[in-house]
Amino acid sequence: MKQASPKVIRKADRPTENDSPAVGQPSAQAAFTSFAAPLVDDAIGYAHAVREDASPEALHKLRVSLRRLRSLWWAFEPLLDKGEGTRQRALYKYLATAAGKTRDWDILIELLAQEDVSVRTEVREMAPKMGEARDNAFTASRETLSNADVKHLLREALTSASTTLNTSNQRMPLRKFAKQRVAASERSLRKSVRRAARARRSNYPAFHAVRKAGKKLRYLLEFFEPILGGGRKRALKRLKQIQKRFGALNDFVASEMLLRENASLLSASSDTEAALHWLKQERKRRMRAAAGLLRKL
């Protein structure tokens, strides 16, 4: 595979304003809570909704809100006590994984509903078993989230980080801080792109790293866009392309893995080989599409 250009975010996309903070501009430490509090409120609201709503949409929104929190804590990690950002990001990952177990079944069921006519009969036969497995996963997800006391955990994390930052003797201009953290995220993405460009197409983790790095950078640009100013639309457009293309690949990789792991569970209703073959072929097609996008970055 040809090596991709590392300039995923080009210089032309970056604002040219002076790094000097505007008069009255808050410090990064003082601004943290204004970024974090709405995200915490959203996550708590979605966690509550999951207790009342078993639909795929509620779980998806909860996972997205937790990913955004992870990205924000990563951004502010250099200003926090050593290890605090890492611990909190691990917490958000744990909660997102709990919600993700059900979401994986939702995606598999949605994908198999799109299968071609050659496996449609098998899908119909597997549907009750997959629905039962999904319901069991949702019960486990809801129990994990309930036992974790999401509201308390997230409020405690917000209070701890806010206290650390507000009592710090150090102050960094928010614009300067935002540009530094976005630049660090850009470097991470370029590094992931180079690795994936050199990797074999069977090396899915290299492709997955591009997806994660692109998603983090997108969230940071969305957080800091009001501070950084204009000139980010092209960058965000490319990042959304990455997320869409590599997200589709991830859906097929995860679904194929889930179906293989539960083949014995579903075999009572049907042979899963036809569905697995279709997922494998689609996974390869999506891998080629992702590799094609890499060459354009």
C-alpha atoms as a PDB file:
ATOM      1  CA  MET A   1       0.000   0.000   0.000  1.00  0.00           C
ATOM      2  CA  LYS A   2       1.326   3.485  -0.794  1.00  0.00           C
ATOM      3  CA  GLN A   3       2.242   5.668   2.124  1.00  0.00           C
ATOM      4  CA  ALA A   4      -0.319   8.337   2.852  1.00  0.00           C
ATOM      5  CA  SER A   5       0.542  11.968   3.166  1.00  0.00           C
ATOM      6  CA  PRO A   6       0.792  12.901   6.846  1.00  0.00           C
ATOM      7  CA  LYS A   7      -0.917  16.245   6.322  1.00  0.00           C
ATOM      8  CA  VAL A   8      -4.410  15.240   7.328  1.00  0.00           C
ATOM      9  CA  ILE A   9      -4.946  18.743   8.673  1.00  0.00           C
ATOM     10  CA  ARG A  10      -3.238  21.153   6.300  1.00  0.00           C
ATOM     11  CA  LYS A  11      -1.690  24.474   7.268  1.00  0.00           C
ATOM     12  CA  ALA A  12      -4.253  26.286   5.180  1.00  0.00           C
ATOM     13  CA  ASP A  13      -6.940  25.011   7.514  1.00  0.00           C
ATOM     14  CA  ARG A  14      -5.328  26.603  10.561  1.00  0.00           C
ATOM     15  CA  PRO A  15      -6.187  30.090  11.718  1.00  0.00           C
ATOM     16  CA  THR A  16      -3.411  32.664  11.509  1.00  0.00           C
ATOM     17  CA  GLU A  17      -4.341  34.833  14.466  1.00  0.00           C
ATOM     18  CA  ASN A  18      -1.702  35.797  16.977  1.00  0.00           C
ATOM     19  CA  ASP A  19      -1.312  33.508  19.970  1.00  0.00           C
ATOM     20  CA  SER A  20      -1.592  36.430  22.366  1.00  0.00           C
ATOM     21  CA  PRO A  21      -4.808  36.138  24.374  1.00  0.00           C
ATOM     22  CA  ALA A  22      -7.508  38.696  23.853  1.00  0.00           C
ATOM     23  CA  VAL A  23      -8.176  41.120  26.664  1.00  0.00           C
ATOM     24  CA  GLY A  24     -10.367  39.442  29.241  1.00  0.00           C
ATOM     25  CA  GLN A  25      -9.889  35.994  27.738  1.00  0.00           C
ATOM     26  CA  PRO A  26     -10.198  33.314  30.446  1.00  0.00           C
ATOM     27  CA  SER A  27      -7.446  30.902  31.261  1.00  0.00           C
ATOM     28  CA  ALA A  28      -7.745  27.268  30.264  1.00  0.00           C
ATOM     29  CA  GLN A  29      -8.017  26.361  33.946  1.00  0.00           C
ATOM     30  CA  ALA A  30     -10.920  28.744  34.506  1.00  0.00           C
ATOM     31  CA  ALA A  31     -12.714  27.665  31.321  1.00  0.00           C
ATOM     32  CA  PHE A  32     -12.654  23.924  31.983  1.00  0.00           C
ATOM     33  CA  THR A  33     -15.965  23.718  33.825  1.00  0.00           C
ATOM     34  CA  SER A  34     -17.805  25.584  31.070  1.00  0.00           C
ATOM     35  CA  PHE A  35     -16.699  22.839  28.650  1.00  0.00           C
ATOM     36  CA  ALA A  36     -17.159  19.873  30.968  1.00  0.00           C
ATOM     37  CA  ALA A  37     -20.397  20.604  32.840  1.00  0.00           C
ATOM     38  CA  PRO A  38     -22.747  20.425  29.801  1.00  0.00           C
ATOM     39  CA  LEU A  39     -21.127  17.151  28.696  1.00  0.00           C
ATOM     40  CA  VAL A  40     -21.540  15.667  32.173  1.00  0.00           C
ATOM     41  CA  ASP A  41     -25.193  16.756  32.234  1.00  0.00           C
ATOM     42  CA  ASP A  42     -25.764  15.139  28.826  1.00  0.00           C
ATOM     43  CA  ALA A  43     -24.168  11.858  29.875  1.00  0.00           C
ATOM     44  CA  ILE A  44     -26.186  11.718  33.089  1.00  0.00           C
ATOM     45  CA  GLY A  45     -29.364  12.424  31.139  1.00  0.00           C
ATOM     46  CA  TYR A  46     -28.639   9.697  28.599  1.00  0.00           C
ATOM     47  CA  ALA A  47     -27.744   7.209  31.346  1.00  0.00           C
ATOM     48  CA  HIS A  48     -31.115   7.946  32.943  1.00  0.00           C
ATOM     49  CA  ALA A  49     -32.834   7.530  29.570  1.00  0.00           C
ATOM     50  CA  VAL A  50     -31.284   4.069  29.146  1.00  0.00           C
ATOM     51  CA  ARG A  51     -33.049   2.958  32.329  1.00  0.00           C
ATOM     52  CA  GLU A  52     -36.375   3.952  30.760  1.00  0.00           C
ATOM     53  CA  ASP A  53     -35.708   3.320  27.076  1.00  0.00           C
ATOM     54  CA  ALA A  54     -34.312   0.090  25.597  1.00  0.00           C
ATOM     55  CA  SER A  55     -33.968   1.541  22.086  1.00  0.00           C
ATOM     56  CA  PRO A  56     -30.613   1.571  20.228  1.00  0.00           C
ATOM     57  CA  GLU A  57     -30.706   5.371  20.016  1.00  0.00           C
ATOM     58  CA  ALA A  58     -30.506   5.910  23.784  1.00  0.00           C
ATOM     59  CA  LEU A  59     -27.447   3.679  24.100  1.00  0.00           C
ATOM     60  CA  HIS A  60     -25.774   5.292  21.098  1.00  0.00           C
ATOM     61  CA  LYS A  61     -26.191   8.794  22.539  1.00  0.00           C
ATOM     62  CA  LEU A  62     -24.799   7.660  25.881  1.00  0.00           C
ATOM     63  CA  ARG A  63     -21.697   6.188  24.228  1.00  0.00           C
ATOM     64  CA  VAL A  64     -21.091   9.341  22.186  1.00  0.00           C
ATOM     65  CA  SER A  65     -21.399  11.580  25.242  1.00  0.00           C
ATOM     66  CA  LEU A  66     -18.897   9.404  27.132  1.00  0.00           C
ATOM     67  CA  ARG A  67     -16.463   9.510  24.200  1.00  0.00           C
ATOM     68  CA  ARG A  68     -16.662  13.275  24.137  1.00  0.00           C
ATOM     69  CA  LEU A  69     -15.911  13.349  27.866  1.00  0.00           C
ATOM     70  CA  ARG A  70     -12.874  11.133  27.332  1.00  0.00           C
ATOM     71  CA  SER A  71     -11.590  13.491  24.651  1.00  0.00           C
ATOM     72  CA  LEU A  72     -12.106  16.556  26.846  1.00  0.00           C
ATOM     73  CA  TRP A  73     -10.287  14.973  29.785  1.00  0.00           C
ATOM     74  CA  TRP A  74      -7.470  14.008  27.427  1.00  0.00           C
ATOM     75  CA  ALA A  75      -7.233  17.636  26.293  1.00  0.00           C
ATOM     76  CA  PHE A  76      -6.962  18.957  29.846  1.00  0.00           C
ATOM     77  CA  GLU A  77      -4.812  16.124  31.180  1.00  0.00           C
ATOM     78  CA  PRO A  78      -1.557  18.188  31.168  1.00  0.00           C
ATOM     79  CA  LEU A  79      -3.178  20.634  33.593  1.00  0.00           C
ATOM     80  CA  LEU A  80      -4.527  17.990  35.984  1.00  0.00           C
ATOM     81  CA  ASP A  81      -2.793  16.119  38.784  1.00  0.00           C
ATOM     82  CA  LYS A  82      -0.634  13.287  37.522  1.00  0.00           C
ATOM     83  CA  GLY A  83      -2.766  10.259  36.729  1.00  0.00           C
ATOM     84  CA  GLU A  84      -6.112  11.980  37.322  1.00  0.00           C
ATOM     85  CA  GLY A  85      -6.947  12.392  33.645  1.00  0.00           C
ATOM     86  CA  THR A  86      -5.930   8.811  32.900  1.00  0.00           C
ATOM     87  CA  ARG A  87      -8.109   7.460  35.711  1.00  0.00           C
ATOM     88  CA  GLN A  88     -11.144   9.431  34.615  1.00  0.00           C
ATOM     89  CA  ARG A  89     -10.738   8.464  30.970  1.00  0.00           C
ATOM     90  CA  ALA A  90     -10.557   4.826  32.071  1.00  0.00           C
ATOM     91  CA  LEU A  91     -13.848   5.342  33.914  1.00  0.00           C
ATOM     92  CA  TYR A  92     -15.541   6.787  30.822  1.00  0.00           C
ATOM     93  CA  LYS A  93     -14.219   3.913  28.734  1.00  0.00           C
ATOM     94  CA  TYR A  94     -15.584   1.386  31.244  1.00  0.00           C
ATOM     95  CA  LEU A  95     -19.047   2.960  31.151  1.00  0.00           C
ATOM     96  CA  ALA A  96     -19.015   3.208  27.359  1.00  0.00           C
ATOM     97  CA  THR A  97     -18.010  -0.453  27.096  1.00  0.00           C
ATOM     98  CA  ALA A  98     -20.920  -1.427  29.323  1.00  0.00           C
ATOM     99  CA  ALA A  99     -23.300   0.370  26.965  1.00  0.00           C
ATOM    100  CA  GLY A 100     -21.418  -0.938  23.943  1.00  0.00           C
ATOM    101  CA  LYS A 101     -22.156  -4.594  24.551  1.00  0.00           C
ATOM    102  CA  THR A 102     -25.796  -4.011  23.674  1.00  0.00           C
ATOM    103  CA  ARG A 103     -24.964  -1.565  20.910  1.00  0.00           C
ATOM    104  CA  ASP A 104     -22.854  -4.245  19.188  1.00  0.00           C
ATOM    105  CA  TRP A 105     -25.893  -6.518  18.951  1.00  0.00           C
ATOM    106  CA  ASP A 106     -27.990  -3.654  17.594  1.00  0.00           C
ATOM    107  CA  ILE A 107     -25.445  -3.030  14.838  1.00  0.00           C
ATOM    108  CA  LEU A 108     -25.196  -6.722  13.936  1.00  0.00           C
ATOM    109  CA  ILE A 109     -28.973  -7.032  13.684  1.00  0.00           C
ATOM    110  CA  GLU A 110     -29.171  -3.872  11.556  1.00  0.00           C
ATOM    111  CA  LEU A 111     -26.422  -5.066   9.207  1.00  0.00           C
ATOM    112  CA  LEU A 112     -27.881  -8.519   8.737  1.00  0.00           C
ATOM    113  CA  ALA A 113     -31.207  -6.957   7.848  1.00  0.00           C
ATOM    114  CA  GLN A 114     -29.385  -5.493   4.814  1.00  0.00           C
ATOM    115  CA  GLU A 115     -28.019  -8.835   3.606  1.00  0.00           C
ATOM    116  CA  ASP A 116     -28.626 -10.038   0.081  1.00  0.00           C
ATOM    117  CA  VAL A 117     -31.281 -12.594  -0.781  1.00  0.00           C
ATOM    118  CA  SER A 118     -28.892 -15.569  -0.533  1.00  0.00           C
ATOM    119  CA  VAL A 119     -28.804 -15.366   3.257  1.00  0.00           C
ATOM    120  CA  ARG A 120     -32.130 -13.730   4.009  1.00  0.00           C
ATOM    121  CA  THR A 121     -33.710 -17.017   5.081  1.00  0.00           C
ATOM    122  CA  GLU A 122     -30.908 -17.711   7.546  1.00  0.00           C
ATOM    123  CA  VAL A 123     -31.268 -14.219   8.964  1.00  0.00           C
ATOM    124  CA  ARG A 124     -34.977 -14.690   9.561  1.00  0.00           C
ATOM    125  CA  GLU A 125     -34.265 -17.945  11.376  1.00  0.00           C
ATOM    126  CA  MET A 126     -31.575 -16.340  13.546  1.00  0.00           C
ATOM    127  CA  ALA A 127     -33.612 -13.245  14.361  1.00  0.00           C
ATOM    128  CA  PRO A 128     -35.349 -14.580  17.519  1.00  0.00           C
ATOM    129  CA  LYS A 129     -32.064 -15.854  18.972  1.00  0.00           C
ATOM    130  CA  MET A 130     -30.264 -12.617  18.190  1.00  0.00           C
ATOM    131  CA  GLY A 131     -33.107 -10.613  19.689  1.00  0.00           C
ATOM    132  CA  GLU A 132     -32.907 -12.687  22.862  1.00  0.00           C
ATOM    133  CA  ALA A 133     -29.130 -12.221  23.044  1.00  0.00           C
ATOM    134  CA  ARG A 134     -29.577  -8.485  22.562  1.00  0.00           C
ATOM    135  CA  ASP A 135     -32.148  -8.304  25.360  1.00  0.00           C
ATOM    136  CA  ASN A 136     -29.831 -10.211  27.693  1.00  0.00           C
ATOM    137  CA  ALA A 137     -26.983  -7.851  26.830  1.00  0.00           C
ATOM    138  CA  PHE A 138     -29.206  -4.848  27.463  1.00  0.00           C
ATOM    139  CA  THR A 139     -30.224  -6.189  30.881  1.00  0.00           C
ATOM    140  CA  ALA A 140     -26.547  -6.598  31.751  1.00  0.00           C
ATOM    141  CA  SER A 141     -25.686  -3.133  30.397  1.00  0.00           C
ATOM    142  CA  ARG A 142     -28.461  -1.465  32.344  1.00  0.00           C
ATOM    143  CA  GLU A 143     -27.517  -3.318  35.527  1.00  0.00           C
ATOM    144  CA  THR A 144     -23.840  -2.330  35.172  1.00  0.00           C
ATOM    145  CA  LEU A 145     -24.691   1.321  34.569  1.00  0.00           C
ATOM    146  CA  SER A 146     -27.158   1.353  37.439  1.00  0.00           C
ATOM    147  CA  ASN A 147     -24.712  -0.250  39.870  1.00  0.00           C
ATOM    148  CA  ALA A 148     -21.995   2.167  38.792  1.00  0.00           C
ATOM    149  CA  ASP A 149     -24.131   5.135  39.869  1.00  0.00           C
ATOM    150  CA  VAL A 150     -23.227   7.148  36.784  1.00  0.00           C
ATOM    151  CA  LYS A 151     -24.577  10.426  38.138  1.00  0.00           C
ATOM    152  CA  HIS A 152     -22.427  10.281  41.257  1.00  0.00           C
ATOM    153  CA  LEU A 153     -19.295   9.178  39.401  1.00  0.00           C
ATOM    154  CA  LEU A 154     -19.516  11.885  36.755  1.00  0.00           C
ATOM    155  CA  ARG A 155     -20.361  14.656  39.220  1.00  0.00           C
ATOM    156  CA  GLU A 156     -17.464  13.581  41.419  1.00  0.00           C
ATOM    157  CA  ALA A 157     -15.064  13.558  38.445  1.00  0.00           C
ATOM    158  CA  LEU A 158     -16.202  17.042  37.418  1.00  0.00           C
ATOM    159  CA  THR A 159     -15.831  18.424  40.935  1.00  0.00           C
ATOM    160  CA  SER A 160     -12.392  16.892  41.397  1.00  0.00           C
ATOM    161  CA  ALA A 161     -11.024  18.198  38.095  1.00  0.00           C
ATOM    162  CA  SER A 162     -12.580  21.641  38.537  1.00  0.00           C
ATOM    163  CA  THR A 163     -11.134  21.972  42.039  1.00  0.00           C
ATOM    164  CA  THR A 164      -7.679  20.964  40.843  1.00  0.00           C
ATOM    165  CA  LEU A 165      -7.721  23.485  38.025  1.00  0.00           C
ATOM    166  CA  ASN A 166      -9.302  26.359  39.928  1.00  0.00           C
ATOM    167  CA  THR A 167      -6.830  26.090  42.798  1.00  0.00           C
ATOM    168  CA  SER A 168      -3.771  25.786  40.567  1.00  0.00           C
ATOM    169  CA  ASN A 169      -1.211  28.585  40.734  1.00  0.00           C
ATOM    170  CA  GLN A 170      -0.518  28.165  37.036  1.00  0.00           C
ATOM    171  CA  ARG A 171      -2.575  29.913  34.372  1.00  0.00           C
ATOM    172  CA  MET A 172      -2.420  29.371  30.616  1.00  0.00           C
ATOM    173  CA  PRO A 173      -4.310  31.493  28.071  1.00  0.00           C
ATOM    174  CA  LEU A 174      -7.188  29.438  26.730  1.00  0.00           C
ATOM    175  CA  ARG A 175      -6.403  30.102  23.061  1.00  0.00           C
ATOM    176  CA  LYS A 176      -2.767  29.095  23.436  1.00  0.00           C
ATOM    177  CA  PHE A 177      -3.777  25.960  25.327  1.00  0.00           C
ATOM    178  CA  ALA A 178      -6.413  25.008  22.757  1.00  0.00           C
ATOM    179  CA  LYS A 179      -3.963  25.389  19.870  1.00  0.00           C
ATOM    180  CA  GLN A 180      -1.361  23.254  21.663  1.00  0.00           C
ATOM    181  CA  ARG A 181      -3.780  20.434  22.390  1.00  0.00           C
ATOM    182  CA  VAL A 182      -5.273  20.467  18.897  1.00  0.00           C
ATOM    183  CA  ALA A 183      -1.735  20.356  17.475  1.00  0.00           C
ATOM    184  CA  ALA A 184      -0.924  17.361  19.700  1.00  0.00           C
ATOM    185  CA  SER A 185      -4.053  15.599  18.489  1.00  0.00           C
ATOM    186  CA  GLU A 186      -3.149  16.387  14.874  1.00  0.00           C
ATOM    187  CA  ARG A 187       0.271  14.805  15.366  1.00  0.00           C
ATOM    188  CA  SER A 188      -1.346  11.701  16.826  1.00  0.00           C
ATOM    189  CA  LEU A 189      -3.642  11.397  13.828  1.00  0.00           C
ATOM    190  CA  ARG A 190      -0.822  11.875  11.318  1.00  0.00           C
ATOM    191  CA  LYS A 191       1.183   9.187  13.104  1.00  0.00           C
ATOM    192  CA  SER A 192      -1.787   6.795  12.978  1.00  0.00           C
ATOM    193  CA  VAL A 193      -2.313   7.513   9.279  1.00  0.00           C
ATOM    194  CA  ARG A 194       1.334   6.742   8.477  1.00  0.00           C
ATOM    195  CA  ARG A 195       1.172   3.460  10.399  1.00  0.00           C
ATOM    196  CA  ALA A 196      -2.054   2.384   8.728  1.00  0.00           C
ATOM    197  CA  ALA A 197      -0.701   3.322   5.297  1.00  0.00           C
ATOM    198  CA  ARG A 198       2.243   0.972   5.816  1.00  0.00           C
ATOM    199  CA  ALA A 199       0.177  -1.800   7.393  1.00  0.00           C
ATOM    200  CA  ARG A 200      -1.274  -4.832   5.699  1.00  0.00           C
ATOM    201  CA  ARG A 201      -5.009  -4.753   5.196  1.00  0.00           C
ATOM    202  CA  SER A 202      -5.324  -7.643   7.622  1.00  0.00           C
ATOM    203  CA  ASN A 203      -3.937  -5.350  10.339  1.00  0.00           C
ATOM    204  CA  TYR A 204      -7.238  -3.933  11.468  1.00  0.00           C
ATOM    205  CA  PRO A 205      -5.912  -2.390  14.731  1.00  0.00           C
ATOM    206  CA  ALA A 206      -3.829   0.040  12.631  1.00  0.00           C
ATOM    207  CA  PHE A 207      -6.967   1.176  10.804  1.00  0.00           C
ATOM    208  CA  HIS A 208      -8.909   1.360  14.058  1.00  0.00           C
ATOM    209  CA  ALA A 209      -6.261   3.668  15.512  1.00  0.00           C
ATOM    210  CA  VAL A 210      -6.916   6.123  12.664  1.00  0.00           C
ATOM    211  CA  ARG A 211     -10.609   6.117  13.491  1.00  0.00           C
ATOM    212  CA  LYS A 212      -9.994   6.814  17.182  1.00  0.00           C
ATOM    213  CA  ALA A 213      -7.434   9.534  16.531  1.00  0.00           C
ATOM    214  CA  GLY A 214      -9.684  11.202  13.971  1.00  0.00           C
ATOM    215  CA  LYS A 215     -12.631  11.136  16.313  1.00  0.00           C
ATOM    216  CA  LYS A 216     -10.622  12.694  19.141  1.00  0.00           C
ATOM    217  CA  LEU A 217      -9.371  15.502  16.899  1.00  0.00           C
ATOM    218  CA  ARG A 218     -12.867  16.162  15.606  1.00  0.00           C
ATOM    219  CA  TYR A 219     -14.209  16.517  19.140  1.00  0.00           C
ATOM    220  CA  LEU A 220     -11.379  18.864  20.112  1.00  0.00           C
ATOM    221  CA  LEU A 221     -11.996  21.080  17.087  1.00  0.00           C
ATOM    222  CA  GLU A 222     -15.680  21.208  17.960  1.00  0.00           C
ATOM    223  CA  PHE A 223     -14.880  22.087  21.587  1.00  0.00           C
ATOM    224  CA  PHE A 224     -12.401  24.827  20.751  1.00  0.00           C
ATOM    225  CA  GLU A 225     -13.752  26.211  17.485  1.00  0.00           C
ATOM    226  CA  PRO A 226     -15.171  29.384  19.146  1.00  0.00           C
ATOM    227  CA  ILE A 227     -11.743  30.092  20.624  1.00  0.00           C
ATOM    228  CA  LEU A 228      -9.636  29.144  17.619  1.00  0.00           C
ATOM    229  CA  GLY A 229     -11.748  31.069  15.129  1.00  0.00           C
ATOM    230  CA  GLY A 230     -12.687  30.120  11.581  1.00  0.00           C
ATOM    231  CA  GLY A 231     -10.851  28.114   8.943  1.00  0.00           C
ATOM    232  CA  ARG A 232     -11.720  24.701  10.359  1.00  0.00           C
ATOM    233  CA  LYS A 233     -14.559  23.641   8.075  1.00  0.00           C
ATOM    234  CA  ARG A 234     -12.353  21.771   5.619  1.00  0.00           C
ATOM    235  CA  ALA A 235     -10.574  19.992   8.434  1.00  0.00           C
ATOM    236  CA  LEU A 236     -13.851  18.954  10.054  1.00  0.00           C
ATOM    237  CA  LYS A 237     -15.167  17.741   6.718  1.00  0.00           C
ATOM    238  CA  ARG A 238     -12.166  15.441   6.267  1.00  0.00           C
ATOM    239  CA  LEU A 239     -12.478  14.191   9.830  1.00  0.00           C
ATOM    240  CA  LYS A 240     -16.144  13.369   9.282  1.00  0.00           C
ATOM    241  CA  GLN A 241     -15.132  11.436   6.165  1.00  0.00           C
ATOM    242  CA  ILE A 242     -12.652   9.439   8.230  1.00  0.00           C
ATOM    243  CA  GLN A 243     -15.237   8.762  10.913  1.00  0.00           C
ATOM    244  CA  LYS A 244     -17.839   7.624   8.396  1.00  0.00           C
ATOM    245  CA  ARG A 245     -15.546   5.422   6.302  1.00  0.00           C
ATOM    246  CA  PHE A 246     -13.652   3.856   9.191  1.00  0.00           C
ATOM    247  CA  GLY A 247     -16.789   3.620  11.319  1.00  0.00           C
ATOM    248  CA  ALA A 248     -18.468   1.511   8.634  1.00  0.00           C
ATOM    249  CA  LEU A 249     -15.426  -0.760   8.615  1.00  0.00           C
ATOM    250  CA  ASN A 250     -15.547  -1.081  12.394  1.00  0.00           C
ATOM    251  CA  ASP A 251     -19.223  -2.052  12.290  1.00  0.00           C
ATOM    252  CA  PHE A 252     -18.482  -5.026  10.029  1.00  0.00           C
ATOM    253  CA  VAL A 253     -15.360  -6.085  11.930  1.00  0.00           C
ATOM    254  CA  ALA A 254     -17.160  -5.989  15.288  1.00  0.00           C
ATOM    255  CA  SER A 255     -20.271  -7.697  13.911  1.00  0.00           C
ATOM    256  CA  GLU A 256     -18.314 -10.533  12.318  1.00  0.00           C
ATOM    257  CA  MET A 257     -16.440 -11.062  15.591  1.00  0.00           C
ATOM    258  CA  LEU A 258     -19.643 -11.001  17.633  1.00  0.00           C
ATOM    259  CA  LEU A 259     -21.342 -13.517  15.373  1.00  0.00           C
ATOM    260  CA  ARG A 260     -18.346 -15.859  15.470  1.00  0.00           C
ATOM    261  CA  GLU A 261     -18.164 -15.629  19.256  1.00  0.00           C
ATOM    262  CA  ASN A 262     -21.858 -16.544  19.521  1.00  0.00           C
ATOM    263  CA  ALA A 263     -22.072 -19.086  16.704  1.00  0.00           C
ATOM    264  CA  SER A 264     -22.857 -21.915  19.142  1.00  0.00           C
ATOM    265  CA  LEU A 265     -25.576 -19.833  20.790  1.00  0.00           C
ATOM    266  CA  LEU A 266     -27.278 -19.189  17.455  1.00  0.00           C
ATOM    267  CA  SER A 267     -26.729 -22.625  15.912  1.00  0.00           C
ATOM    268  CA  ALA A 268     -29.891 -23.961  17.508  1.00  0.00           C
ATOM    269  CA  SER A 269     -31.908 -21.802  15.164  1.00  0.00           C
ATOM    270  CA  SER A 270     -29.759 -21.822  12.050  1.00  0.00           C
ATOM    271  CA  ASP A 271     -26.390 -22.317  10.456  1.00  0.00           C
ATOM    272  CA  THR A 272     -24.548 -18.996  10.604  1.00  0.00           C
ATOM    273  CA  GLU A 273     -22.041 -19.661   7.828  1.00  0.00           C
ATOM    274  CA  ALA A 274     -23.909 -17.751   5.125  1.00  0.00           C
ATOM    275  CA  ALA A 275     -24.190 -14.667   7.312  1.00  0.00           C
ATOM    276  CA  LEU A 276     -20.526 -14.909   8.337  1.00  0.00           C
ATOM    277  CA  HIS A 277     -19.465 -15.197   4.692  1.00  0.00           C
ATOM    278  CA  TRP A 278     -21.433 -12.059   3.801  1.00  0.00           C
ATOM    279  CA  LEU A 279     -19.972 -10.111   6.723  1.00  0.00           C
ATOM    280  CA  LYS A 280     -16.467 -11.195   5.764  1.00  0.00           C
ATOM    281  CA  GLN A 281     -16.906 -10.069   2.161  1.00  0.00           C
ATOM    282  CA  GLU A 282     -18.352  -6.735   3.249  1.00  0.00           C
ATOM    283  CA  ARG A 283     -15.567  -6.282   5.782  1.00  0.00           C
ATOM    284  CA  LYS A 284     -12.970  -6.714   3.021  1.00  0.00           C
ATOM    285  CA  ARG A 285     -14.809  -4.242   0.809  1.00  0.00           C
ATOM    286  CA  ARG A 286     -14.937  -1.672   3.604  1.00  0.00           C
ATOM    287  CA  MET A 287     -11.237  -2.237   4.300  1.00  0.00           C
ATOM    288  CA  ARG A 288     -10.433  -1.415   0.674  1.00  0.00           C
ATOM    289  CA  ALA A 289     -12.572   1.715   0.913  1.00  0.00           C
ATOM    290  CA  ALA A 290     -10.776   2.803   4.095  1.00  0.00           C
ATOM    291  CA  ALA A 291      -7.381   2.176   2.475  1.00  0.00           C
ATOM    292  CA  GLY A 292      -8.486   4.280  -0.487  1.00  0.00           C
ATOM    293  CA  LEU A 293      -9.336   7.184   1.785  1.00  0.00           C
ATOM    294  CA  LEU A 294      -5.941   6.905   3.486  1.00  0.00           C
ATOM    295  CA  ARG A 295      -4.209   7.543   0.182  1.00  0.00           C
ATOM    296  CA  LYS A 296      -6.135  10.822  -0.175  1.00  0.00           C
ATOM    297  CA  LEU A 297      -5.349  12.194   3.260  1.00  0.00           C
END
